[in-house]
Every structure is written in structure tokens, then in C-alpha cells.
């Protein structure tokens, strides 16, 4: 799976601007794929050059013109070919977990601080997913619901583990 595959998939759903694609990454995909504008726009340029998407410039009065991207027949074929490939093993990067692994010599206060910040981040992610669900619910396919619920379960499970250790560290005098 690459950013190319995901962007093609998003354009299969509907035509979008780069900004709208980024919004999906920051909300719906937050729990399973990280990216930035620094990946989105170069990928859109490459996909346009390969004939997989077309760019439409929409003229706007009083604000900058916007670029709306549409998938082509060739792009649809490329996306369907991606769906036929084997699913790669999960990859995960977590600065938090790297710090936990190497943080054995850190003070109890530092560990508590790191845990508290990560719990807060997880709570924000859980809240964001729950709040957005009401917008998405009636439009989501069964497979999209699975991705949503797995993300919510992962965030909740991680939060539970961290809260257990926070409690232990706070009670350890």
C-alpha cells in the first residue's frame, strides 16, 4: 500500500481537492495511515502525469482557484489492480513506544508525564472518531465500519494499558 493507492481509492469515492484528501487523512484515516501535504500534492502531480487522474481548475470569485482531481479509467484500473494484491504485514511507527522502550533510566516523573500526554492524545483521537461517526455512519460501507471500529478499539485498548501503568506509577511511592 502506498499513498498513491489510497489517493486513487479516495478519488474512486468522489472527486476531491488536495485539501479534501488531507482532511480524510487527518480524520477517517488518522488511526491507520499518516501523511501530509508533502506527500499528497507530489503524488497528485505524479498521478496526473501518469494519466491516472485529471486535474480540473475551478475558477472562484474572490478566492484562489482550486484544483479538483478526478480519477480516470486508467486510474480505476490501477486501483482495482491494487485491491487484488496480497495484503502486506502491518507496519507501525510510534515515537511514544520507542521512548517507552528506551526510557528505562528516566525518572518516574518523566515517565508519568509521557504517559499522561499519550493518554490525552488517545482521548482526543477517540473523541474525534466518535464525533465524526455521526457524519459518516449512514454513508459507510461494512468494510469502512470495520476500519472505524478497529481504530476505535485500538485507541481504547492502548489508553487502558497506559492508564493501568499510570495508576501503578502514581501509587508507587
N, C-alpha and C. Protein backbone atom coordinates (compact mmCIF):
# COMPACT_ATOMS: atom_id res chain seq x y z
N UNK A 1 0.85 -1.16 0.00
CA UNK A 1 0.00 0.00 0.00
C UNK A 1 0.90 1.23 0.00
N UNK A 2 0.54 2.15 -0.86
CA UNK A 2 1.26 3.41 -0.92
C UNK A 2 0.27 4.56 -0.87
N UNK A 3 0.79 5.76 -0.72
CA UNK A 3 -0.07 6.94 -0.77
C UNK A 3 -0.83 7.00 -2.09
N UNK A 4 -0.18 6.54 -3.16
CA UNK A 4 -0.82 6.51 -4.49
C UNK A 4 -2.10 5.67 -4.44
N UNK A 5 -2.00 4.48 -3.83
CA UNK A 5 -3.15 3.58 -3.77
C UNK A 5 -4.30 4.21 -2.99
N UNK A 6 -3.96 4.85 -1.89
CA UNK A 6 -5.00 5.44 -1.05
C UNK A 6 -5.65 6.63 -1.74
N UNK A 7 -4.84 7.47 -2.37
CA UNK A 7 -5.41 8.63 -3.08
C UNK A 7 -6.30 8.16 -4.22
N UNK A 8 -5.88 7.15 -4.97
CA UNK A 8 -6.75 6.62 -6.01
C UNK A 8 -8.06 6.11 -5.42
N UNK A 9 -7.98 5.42 -4.28
CA UNK A 9 -9.19 4.92 -3.61
C UNK A 9 -10.12 6.06 -3.20
N UNK A 10 -9.55 7.13 -2.67
CA UNK A 10 -10.37 8.28 -2.28
C UNK A 10 -11.03 8.92 -3.49
N UNK A 11 -10.32 8.96 -4.59
CA UNK A 11 -10.89 9.54 -5.81
C UNK A 11 -11.90 8.60 -6.46
N UNK A 12 -11.84 7.30 -6.13
CA UNK A 12 -12.88 6.37 -6.59
C UNK A 12 -14.21 6.73 -5.94
N UNK A 13 -14.15 7.17 -4.67
CA UNK A 13 -15.37 7.55 -3.96
C UNK A 13 -16.01 8.79 -4.56
N UNK A 14 -15.16 9.81 -4.81
CA UNK A 14 -15.65 11.05 -5.41
C UNK A 14 -14.45 11.93 -5.75
N UNK A 15 -14.66 12.90 -6.62
CA UNK A 15 -13.61 13.85 -6.96
C UNK A 15 -13.34 14.72 -5.74
N UNK A 16 -12.07 15.10 -5.56
CA UNK A 16 -11.69 15.86 -4.37
C UNK A 16 -10.55 16.81 -4.70
N UNK A 17 -10.41 17.82 -3.84
CA UNK A 17 -9.24 18.70 -3.87
C UNK A 17 -8.16 18.08 -3.00
N UNK A 18 -6.94 18.58 -3.10
CA UNK A 18 -5.87 18.12 -2.22
C UNK A 18 -6.22 18.38 -0.77
N UNK A 19 -6.85 19.52 -0.50
CA UNK A 19 -7.26 19.86 0.87
C UNK A 19 -8.25 18.82 1.39
N UNK A 20 -9.22 18.45 0.57
CA UNK A 20 -10.22 17.46 1.00
C UNK A 20 -9.58 16.09 1.24
N UNK A 21 -8.59 15.72 0.42
CA UNK A 21 -7.87 14.47 0.62
C UNK A 21 -7.14 14.51 1.96
N UNK A 22 -6.49 15.61 2.26
CA UNK A 22 -5.79 15.75 3.54
C UNK A 22 -6.76 15.64 4.71
N UNK A 23 -7.95 16.21 4.59
CA UNK A 23 -8.96 16.13 5.65
C UNK A 23 -9.31 14.68 5.96
N UNK A 24 -9.41 13.84 4.94
CA UNK A 24 -9.70 12.42 5.16
C UNK A 24 -8.56 11.77 5.94
N UNK A 25 -7.30 12.08 5.54
CA UNK A 25 -6.16 11.52 6.26
C UNK A 25 -6.14 11.96 7.71
N UNK A 26 -6.55 13.19 7.99
CA UNK A 26 -6.49 13.71 9.36
C UNK A 26 -7.67 13.27 10.22
N UNK A 27 -8.70 12.71 9.62
CA UNK A 27 -9.86 12.28 10.41
C UNK A 27 -10.08 10.78 10.26
N UNK A 28 -10.64 10.38 9.15
CA UNK A 28 -11.03 8.99 8.95
C UNK A 28 -9.84 8.04 9.03
N UNK A 29 -8.71 8.43 8.43
CA UNK A 29 -7.55 7.54 8.34
C UNK A 29 -6.56 7.75 9.47
N UNK A 30 -6.83 8.63 10.38
CA UNK A 30 -5.87 9.00 11.42
C UNK A 30 -5.30 7.80 12.16
N UNK A 31 -6.10 6.78 12.38
CA UNK A 31 -5.65 5.64 13.17
C UNK A 31 -4.90 4.58 12.37
N UNK A 32 -4.84 4.73 11.04
CA UNK A 32 -4.12 3.69 10.30
C UNK A 32 -3.24 4.17 9.16
N UNK A 33 -3.20 5.45 8.87
CA UNK A 33 -2.29 5.93 7.83
C UNK A 33 -1.96 7.39 8.08
N UNK A 34 -0.68 7.68 8.18
CA UNK A 34 -0.22 9.04 8.43
C UNK A 34 0.38 9.61 7.16
N UNK A 35 0.07 10.85 6.87
CA UNK A 35 0.66 11.53 5.72
C UNK A 35 0.61 13.03 5.93
N UNK A 36 0.99 13.75 4.90
CA UNK A 36 0.99 15.21 4.97
C UNK A 36 0.78 15.77 3.57
N UNK A 37 0.59 17.09 3.51
CA UNK A 37 0.50 17.74 2.21
C UNK A 37 1.75 17.45 1.39
N UNK A 38 2.88 17.25 2.07
CA UNK A 38 4.14 16.98 1.39
C UNK A 38 4.14 15.67 0.62
N UNK A 39 3.22 14.78 0.90
CA UNK A 39 3.06 13.55 0.12
C UNK A 39 1.91 13.70 -0.85
N UNK A 40 0.84 14.35 -0.43
CA UNK A 40 -0.39 14.40 -1.23
C UNK A 40 -0.17 15.11 -2.56
N UNK A 41 0.33 16.33 -2.52
CA UNK A 41 0.43 17.10 -3.76
C UNK A 41 1.44 16.53 -4.76
N UNK A 42 2.63 16.09 -4.33
CA UNK A 42 3.51 15.45 -5.31
C UNK A 42 2.90 14.17 -5.90
N UNK A 43 2.17 13.43 -5.08
CA UNK A 43 1.52 12.22 -5.58
C UNK A 43 0.44 12.57 -6.59
N UNK A 44 -0.34 13.60 -6.31
CA UNK A 44 -1.37 14.03 -7.27
C UNK A 44 -0.73 14.47 -8.59
N UNK A 45 0.40 15.19 -8.53
CA UNK A 45 1.10 15.60 -9.76
C UNK A 45 1.57 14.37 -10.53
N UNK A 46 2.14 13.39 -9.81
CA UNK A 46 2.62 12.17 -10.46
C UNK A 46 1.46 11.39 -11.08
N UNK A 47 0.36 11.27 -10.35
CA UNK A 47 -0.81 10.55 -10.87
C UNK A 47 -1.38 11.24 -12.10
N UNK A 48 -1.35 12.56 -12.10
CA UNK A 48 -1.82 13.33 -13.26
C UNK A 48 -0.89 13.06 -14.45
N UNK A 49 0.41 13.10 -14.20
CA UNK A 49 1.39 12.83 -15.26
C UNK A 49 1.27 11.43 -15.83
N UNK A 50 0.88 10.48 -15.01
CA UNK A 50 0.72 9.08 -15.45
C UNK A 50 -0.63 8.83 -16.10
N UNK A 51 -1.51 9.85 -16.09
CA UNK A 51 -2.82 9.70 -16.70
C UNK A 51 -3.81 8.95 -15.82
N UNK A 52 -3.50 8.80 -14.54
CA UNK A 52 -4.40 8.08 -13.63
C UNK A 52 -5.46 9.00 -13.04
N UNK A 53 -5.18 10.29 -12.98
CA UNK A 53 -6.15 11.28 -12.55
C UNK A 53 -6.06 12.48 -13.48
N UNK A 54 -7.13 13.26 -13.50
CA UNK A 54 -7.17 14.50 -14.25
C UNK A 54 -7.42 15.63 -13.27
N UNK A 55 -6.82 16.77 -13.56
CA UNK A 55 -6.99 17.95 -12.71
C UNK A 55 -7.90 18.93 -13.42
N UNK A 56 -8.91 19.39 -12.68
CA UNK A 56 -9.81 20.42 -13.18
C UNK A 56 -9.58 21.68 -12.34
N UNK A 57 -9.30 22.79 -13.00
CA UNK A 57 -9.13 24.05 -12.29
C UNK A 57 -10.49 24.72 -12.21
N UNK A 58 -10.96 24.94 -10.99
CA UNK A 58 -12.25 25.58 -10.77
C UNK A 58 -11.98 27.04 -10.42
N UNK A 59 -12.49 27.92 -11.29
CA UNK A 59 -12.31 29.36 -11.09
C UNK A 59 -13.27 29.82 -10.00
N UNK A 60 -12.74 30.56 -9.02
CA UNK A 60 -13.56 31.06 -7.91
C UNK A 60 -13.43 32.57 -7.84
N UNK A 61 -14.51 33.23 -7.58
CA UNK A 61 -14.51 34.68 -7.45
C UNK A 61 -14.17 35.06 -6.02
N UNK A 62 -13.20 35.95 -5.87
CA UNK A 62 -12.84 36.45 -4.55
C UNK A 62 -11.95 35.54 -3.73
N UNK A 63 -11.58 34.40 -4.27
CA UNK A 63 -10.65 33.50 -3.58
C UNK A 63 -9.84 32.75 -4.63
N UNK A 64 -8.75 32.13 -4.19
CA UNK A 64 -7.91 31.43 -5.17
C UNK A 64 -8.66 30.31 -5.89
N UNK A 65 -8.27 30.06 -7.11
CA UNK A 65 -8.84 28.93 -7.86
C UNK A 65 -8.48 27.64 -7.14
N UNK A 66 -9.31 26.62 -7.32
CA UNK A 66 -8.99 25.34 -6.68
C UNK A 66 -8.86 24.26 -7.73
N UNK A 67 -8.04 23.29 -7.40
CA UNK A 67 -7.82 22.15 -8.27
C UNK A 67 -8.61 20.96 -7.74
N UNK A 68 -9.50 20.44 -8.59
CA UNK A 68 -10.29 19.27 -8.23
C UNK A 68 -9.77 18.11 -9.08
N UNK A 69 -9.50 17.00 -8.41
CA UNK A 69 -8.93 15.84 -9.09
C UNK A 69 -10.00 14.78 -9.29
N UNK A 70 -10.01 14.22 -10.52
CA UNK A 70 -10.95 13.17 -10.91
C UNK A 70 -10.16 11.96 -11.35
N UNK A 71 -10.60 10.78 -10.96
CA UNK A 71 -9.92 9.56 -11.38
C UNK A 71 -10.31 9.24 -12.82
N UNK A 72 -9.37 8.71 -13.59
CA UNK A 72 -9.62 8.31 -14.97
C UNK A 72 -9.89 6.81 -15.02
N UNK A 73 -10.27 6.33 -16.19
CA UNK A 73 -10.48 4.88 -16.37
C UNK A 73 -9.18 4.12 -16.07
N UNK A 74 -8.05 4.68 -16.52
CA UNK A 74 -6.74 4.07 -16.24
C UNK A 74 -6.46 4.06 -14.74
N UNK A 75 -6.87 5.12 -14.03
CA UNK A 75 -6.70 5.19 -12.59
C UNK A 75 -7.56 4.16 -11.87
N UNK A 76 -8.78 3.97 -12.35
CA UNK A 76 -9.66 2.96 -11.76
C UNK A 76 -9.07 1.57 -11.93
N UNK A 77 -8.53 1.31 -13.11
CA UNK A 77 -7.90 0.02 -13.36
C UNK A 77 -6.71 -0.20 -12.42
N UNK A 78 -5.90 0.84 -12.25
CA UNK A 78 -4.74 0.74 -11.34
C UNK A 78 -5.21 0.47 -9.92
N UNK A 79 -6.30 1.12 -9.48
CA UNK A 79 -6.80 0.90 -8.13
C UNK A 79 -7.35 -0.52 -7.96
N UNK A 80 -8.11 -1.00 -8.95
CA UNK A 80 -8.63 -2.36 -8.86
C UNK A 80 -7.49 -3.38 -8.84
N UNK A 81 -6.41 -3.11 -9.58
CA UNK A 81 -5.24 -3.99 -9.55
C UNK A 81 -4.60 -3.99 -8.17
N UNK A 82 -4.54 -2.82 -7.52
CA UNK A 82 -4.00 -2.75 -6.15
C UNK A 82 -4.83 -3.64 -5.22
N UNK A 83 -6.16 -3.59 -5.32
CA UNK A 83 -7.02 -4.37 -4.43
C UNK A 83 -6.80 -5.88 -4.60
N UNK A 84 -6.27 -6.30 -5.74
CA UNK A 84 -6.03 -7.72 -5.99
C UNK A 84 -4.70 -8.20 -5.42
N UNK A 85 -3.83 -7.28 -4.98
CA UNK A 85 -2.52 -7.68 -4.46
C UNK A 85 -2.66 -8.25 -3.06
N UNK A 86 -1.64 -8.99 -2.62
CA UNK A 86 -1.64 -9.53 -1.26
C UNK A 86 -1.56 -8.39 -0.26
N UNK A 87 -2.15 -8.59 0.90
CA UNK A 87 -2.10 -7.61 1.98
C UNK A 87 -0.75 -7.76 2.67
N UNK A 88 -0.01 -6.67 2.75
CA UNK A 88 1.30 -6.67 3.40
C UNK A 88 1.14 -6.72 4.92
N UNK A 89 2.15 -7.24 5.62
CA UNK A 89 2.10 -7.22 7.09
C UNK A 89 2.02 -5.77 7.59
N UNK A 90 1.39 -5.62 8.74
CA UNK A 90 1.24 -4.30 9.35
C UNK A 90 2.60 -3.67 9.63
N UNK A 91 2.68 -2.37 9.45
CA UNK A 91 3.86 -1.60 9.82
C UNK A 91 3.38 -0.51 10.77
N UNK A 92 4.14 -0.31 11.82
CA UNK A 92 3.74 0.73 12.76
C UNK A 92 4.97 1.47 13.23
N UNK A 93 4.86 2.76 13.27
CA UNK A 93 5.90 3.60 13.84
C UNK A 93 5.28 4.36 14.99
N UNK A 94 5.95 4.35 16.13
CA UNK A 94 5.44 5.06 17.29
C UNK A 94 6.60 5.65 18.08
N UNK A 95 6.73 6.95 18.01
CA UNK A 95 7.76 7.60 18.81
C UNK A 95 7.52 7.35 20.29
N UNK A 96 6.26 7.35 20.69
CA UNK A 96 5.93 7.10 22.09
C UNK A 96 6.48 5.74 22.54
N UNK A 97 6.22 4.69 21.76
CA UNK A 97 6.68 3.36 22.16
C UNK A 97 8.21 3.24 22.12
N UNK A 98 8.85 3.94 21.20
CA UNK A 98 10.32 3.95 21.18
C UNK A 98 10.83 4.59 22.47
N UNK A 99 10.22 5.68 22.90
CA UNK A 99 10.63 6.32 24.15
C UNK A 99 10.36 5.41 25.35
N UNK A 100 9.25 4.70 25.32
CA UNK A 100 8.97 3.77 26.42
C UNK A 100 10.05 2.68 26.45
N UNK A 101 10.41 2.18 25.30
CA UNK A 101 11.41 1.11 25.23
C UNK A 101 12.76 1.57 25.79
N UNK A 102 13.18 2.77 25.39
CA UNK A 102 14.50 3.26 25.80
C UNK A 102 14.46 4.11 27.06
N UNK A 103 13.30 4.30 27.64
CA UNK A 103 13.15 5.21 28.78
C UNK A 103 13.35 4.59 30.14
N UNK A 104 13.97 3.43 30.22
CA UNK A 104 14.14 2.73 31.48
C UNK A 104 14.91 3.50 32.54
N UNK A 105 15.79 4.39 32.12
CA UNK A 105 16.56 5.17 33.08
C UNK A 105 15.97 6.54 33.36
N UNK A 106 14.82 6.83 32.77
CA UNK A 106 14.18 8.13 33.00
C UNK A 106 13.53 8.14 34.39
N UNK A 107 13.33 9.33 34.89
CA UNK A 107 12.70 9.46 36.21
C UNK A 107 11.23 9.05 36.13
N UNK A 108 10.71 8.70 37.29
CA UNK A 108 9.29 8.36 37.40
C UNK A 108 8.43 9.52 36.92
N UNK A 109 8.81 10.74 37.24
CA UNK A 109 8.05 11.93 36.84
C UNK A 109 8.02 12.07 35.31
N UNK A 110 9.15 11.79 34.66
CA UNK A 110 9.20 11.86 33.20
C UNK A 110 8.30 10.81 32.58
N UNK A 111 8.38 9.59 33.10
CA UNK A 111 7.51 8.53 32.57
C UNK A 111 6.04 8.89 32.75
N UNK A 112 5.69 9.40 33.90
CA UNK A 112 4.30 9.80 34.15
C UNK A 112 3.88 10.89 33.16
N UNK A 113 4.77 11.84 32.95
CA UNK A 113 4.46 12.92 32.00
C UNK A 113 4.23 12.38 30.60
N UNK A 114 5.11 11.48 30.14
CA UNK A 114 4.94 10.88 28.81
C UNK A 114 3.63 10.11 28.72
N UNK A 115 3.33 9.34 29.75
CA UNK A 115 2.09 8.56 29.76
C UNK A 115 0.86 9.46 29.75
N UNK A 116 0.89 10.51 30.56
CA UNK A 116 -0.25 11.44 30.60
C UNK A 116 -0.48 12.10 29.25
N UNK A 117 0.60 12.52 28.60
CA UNK A 117 0.46 13.16 27.28
C UNK A 117 -0.08 12.18 26.25
N UNK A 118 0.37 10.95 26.30
CA UNK A 118 -0.11 9.95 25.34
C UNK A 118 -1.57 9.60 25.61
N UNK A 119 -1.96 9.49 26.87
CA UNK A 119 -3.36 9.24 27.20
C UNK A 119 -4.23 10.38 26.69
N UNK A 120 -3.79 11.61 26.87
CA UNK A 120 -4.54 12.77 26.37
C UNK A 120 -4.69 12.72 24.86
N UNK A 121 -3.60 12.36 24.16
CA UNK A 121 -3.65 12.27 22.70
C UNK A 121 -4.63 11.18 22.27
N UNK A 122 -4.59 10.06 22.95
CA UNK A 122 -5.52 8.97 22.63
C UNK A 122 -6.97 9.38 22.90
N UNK A 123 -7.20 10.09 24.00
CA UNK A 123 -8.56 10.57 24.30
C UNK A 123 -9.05 11.51 23.20
N UNK A 124 -8.18 12.38 22.72
CA UNK A 124 -8.56 13.29 21.62
C UNK A 124 -8.90 12.50 20.37
N UNK A 125 -8.10 11.49 20.06
CA UNK A 125 -8.35 10.67 18.88
C UNK A 125 -9.67 9.91 19.00
N UNK A 126 -9.93 9.35 20.17
CA UNK A 126 -11.18 8.63 20.41
C UNK A 126 -12.36 9.58 20.25
N UNK A 127 -12.26 10.74 20.86
CA UNK A 127 -13.35 11.73 20.78
C UNK A 127 -13.59 12.17 19.34
N UNK A 128 -12.50 12.41 18.60
CA UNK A 128 -12.64 12.82 17.21
C UNK A 128 -13.34 11.74 16.38
N UNK A 129 -12.93 10.49 16.55
CA UNK A 129 -13.59 9.41 15.81
C UNK A 129 -15.06 9.30 16.18
N UNK A 130 -15.37 9.38 17.45
CA UNK A 130 -16.77 9.27 17.88
C UNK A 130 -17.60 10.43 17.35
N UNK A 131 -17.05 11.64 17.38
CA UNK A 131 -17.78 12.81 16.88
C UNK A 131 -18.01 12.73 15.38
N UNK A 132 -17.03 12.27 14.65
CA UNK A 132 -17.15 12.18 13.19
C UNK A 132 -18.06 11.03 12.76
N UNK A 133 -18.22 10.03 13.61
CA UNK A 133 -19.02 8.87 13.24
C UNK A 133 -20.45 9.26 12.86
N UNK A 134 -21.01 10.21 13.55
CA UNK A 134 -22.39 10.62 13.23
C UNK A 134 -22.49 11.18 11.81
N UNK A 135 -21.42 11.83 11.34
CA UNK A 135 -21.40 12.34 9.97
C UNK A 135 -21.25 11.20 8.96
N UNK A 136 -20.48 10.18 9.32
CA UNK A 136 -20.13 9.13 8.39
C UNK A 136 -21.08 7.94 8.40
N UNK A 137 -21.73 7.69 9.52
CA UNK A 137 -22.46 6.44 9.77
C UNK A 137 -23.34 6.01 8.60
N UNK A 138 -24.21 6.86 8.14
CA UNK A 138 -25.16 6.45 7.11
C UNK A 138 -24.53 6.31 5.73
N UNK A 139 -23.28 6.75 5.58
CA UNK A 139 -22.59 6.66 4.28
C UNK A 139 -21.56 5.54 4.25
N UNK A 140 -21.29 4.91 5.39
CA UNK A 140 -20.19 3.95 5.48
C UNK A 140 -20.61 2.55 5.02
N UNK A 141 -19.69 1.91 4.31
CA UNK A 141 -19.90 0.52 3.92
C UNK A 141 -19.54 -0.37 5.11
N UNK A 142 -19.83 -1.65 5.00
CA UNK A 142 -19.48 -2.59 6.06
C UNK A 142 -17.97 -2.57 6.29
N UNK A 143 -17.19 -2.58 5.20
CA UNK A 143 -15.73 -2.61 5.36
C UNK A 143 -15.21 -1.31 5.98
N UNK A 144 -15.83 -0.18 5.67
CA UNK A 144 -15.44 1.08 6.30
C UNK A 144 -15.77 1.07 7.78
N UNK A 145 -16.90 0.48 8.15
CA UNK A 145 -17.25 0.35 9.56
C UNK A 145 -16.23 -0.51 10.30
N UNK A 146 -15.74 -1.56 9.65
CA UNK A 146 -14.73 -2.40 10.27
C UNK A 146 -13.48 -1.58 10.56
N UNK A 147 -13.01 -0.80 9.58
CA UNK A 147 -11.82 0.03 9.77
C UNK A 147 -12.03 1.03 10.89
N UNK A 148 -13.21 1.63 10.95
CA UNK A 148 -13.53 2.59 12.01
C UNK A 148 -13.50 1.92 13.38
N UNK A 149 -14.18 0.79 13.51
CA UNK A 149 -14.28 0.14 14.81
C UNK A 149 -12.94 -0.42 15.28
N UNK A 150 -12.11 -0.90 14.37
CA UNK A 150 -10.78 -1.37 14.74
C UNK A 150 -9.96 -0.20 15.28
N UNK A 151 -10.03 0.94 14.60
CA UNK A 151 -9.30 2.12 15.08
C UNK A 151 -9.74 2.55 16.46
N UNK A 152 -11.04 2.60 16.67
CA UNK A 152 -11.58 2.98 17.97
C UNK A 152 -11.14 1.98 19.04
N UNK A 153 -11.19 0.69 18.71
CA UNK A 153 -10.78 -0.34 19.67
C UNK A 153 -9.29 -0.24 19.99
N UNK A 154 -8.45 0.03 18.98
CA UNK A 154 -7.01 0.16 19.23
C UNK A 154 -6.72 1.34 20.14
N UNK A 155 -7.30 2.49 19.83
CA UNK A 155 -7.08 3.67 20.68
C UNK A 155 -7.54 3.39 22.11
N UNK A 156 -8.70 2.77 22.26
CA UNK A 156 -9.26 2.50 23.59
C UNK A 156 -8.41 1.49 24.35
N UNK A 157 -7.95 0.44 23.67
CA UNK A 157 -7.12 -0.57 24.33
C UNK A 157 -5.79 0.04 24.78
N UNK A 158 -5.16 0.82 23.91
CA UNK A 158 -3.89 1.46 24.27
C UNK A 158 -4.09 2.38 25.47
N UNK A 159 -5.16 3.14 25.46
CA UNK A 159 -5.46 4.05 26.57
C UNK A 159 -5.61 3.26 27.87
N UNK A 160 -6.30 2.13 27.83
CA UNK A 160 -6.49 1.31 29.02
C UNK A 160 -5.17 0.80 29.59
N UNK A 161 -4.27 0.35 28.73
CA UNK A 161 -2.96 -0.13 29.19
C UNK A 161 -2.18 1.01 29.83
N UNK A 162 -2.17 2.16 29.18
CA UNK A 162 -1.40 3.29 29.71
C UNK A 162 -1.97 3.79 31.03
N UNK A 163 -3.28 3.80 31.16
CA UNK A 163 -3.90 4.23 32.42
C UNK A 163 -3.56 3.27 33.55
N UNK A 164 -3.47 1.99 33.25
CA UNK A 164 -3.07 0.99 34.27
C UNK A 164 -1.66 1.31 34.79
N UNK A 165 -0.74 1.59 33.88
CA UNK A 165 0.62 1.89 34.29
C UNK A 165 0.72 3.25 34.98
N UNK A 166 -0.07 4.20 34.55
CA UNK A 166 -0.11 5.49 35.23
C UNK A 166 -0.55 5.31 36.67
N UNK A 167 -1.57 4.52 36.86
CA UNK A 167 -2.08 4.25 38.21
C UNK A 167 -1.00 3.60 39.05
N UNK A 168 -0.31 2.60 38.49
CA UNK A 168 0.76 1.91 39.21
C UNK A 168 1.89 2.87 39.57
N UNK A 169 2.30 3.72 38.64
CA UNK A 169 3.38 4.66 38.91
C UNK A 169 2.97 5.70 39.94
N UNK A 170 1.72 6.14 39.88
CA UNK A 170 1.26 7.13 40.84
C UNK A 170 1.09 6.55 42.23
N UNK A 171 0.81 5.25 42.33
CA UNK A 171 0.66 4.60 43.64
C UNK A 171 1.97 4.09 44.20
N UNK A 172 3.00 4.03 43.35
CA UNK A 172 4.32 3.52 43.75
C UNK A 172 5.09 4.63 44.45
N UNK A 173 5.21 4.56 45.73
CA UNK A 173 5.92 5.62 46.47
C UNK A 173 7.28 5.21 46.88
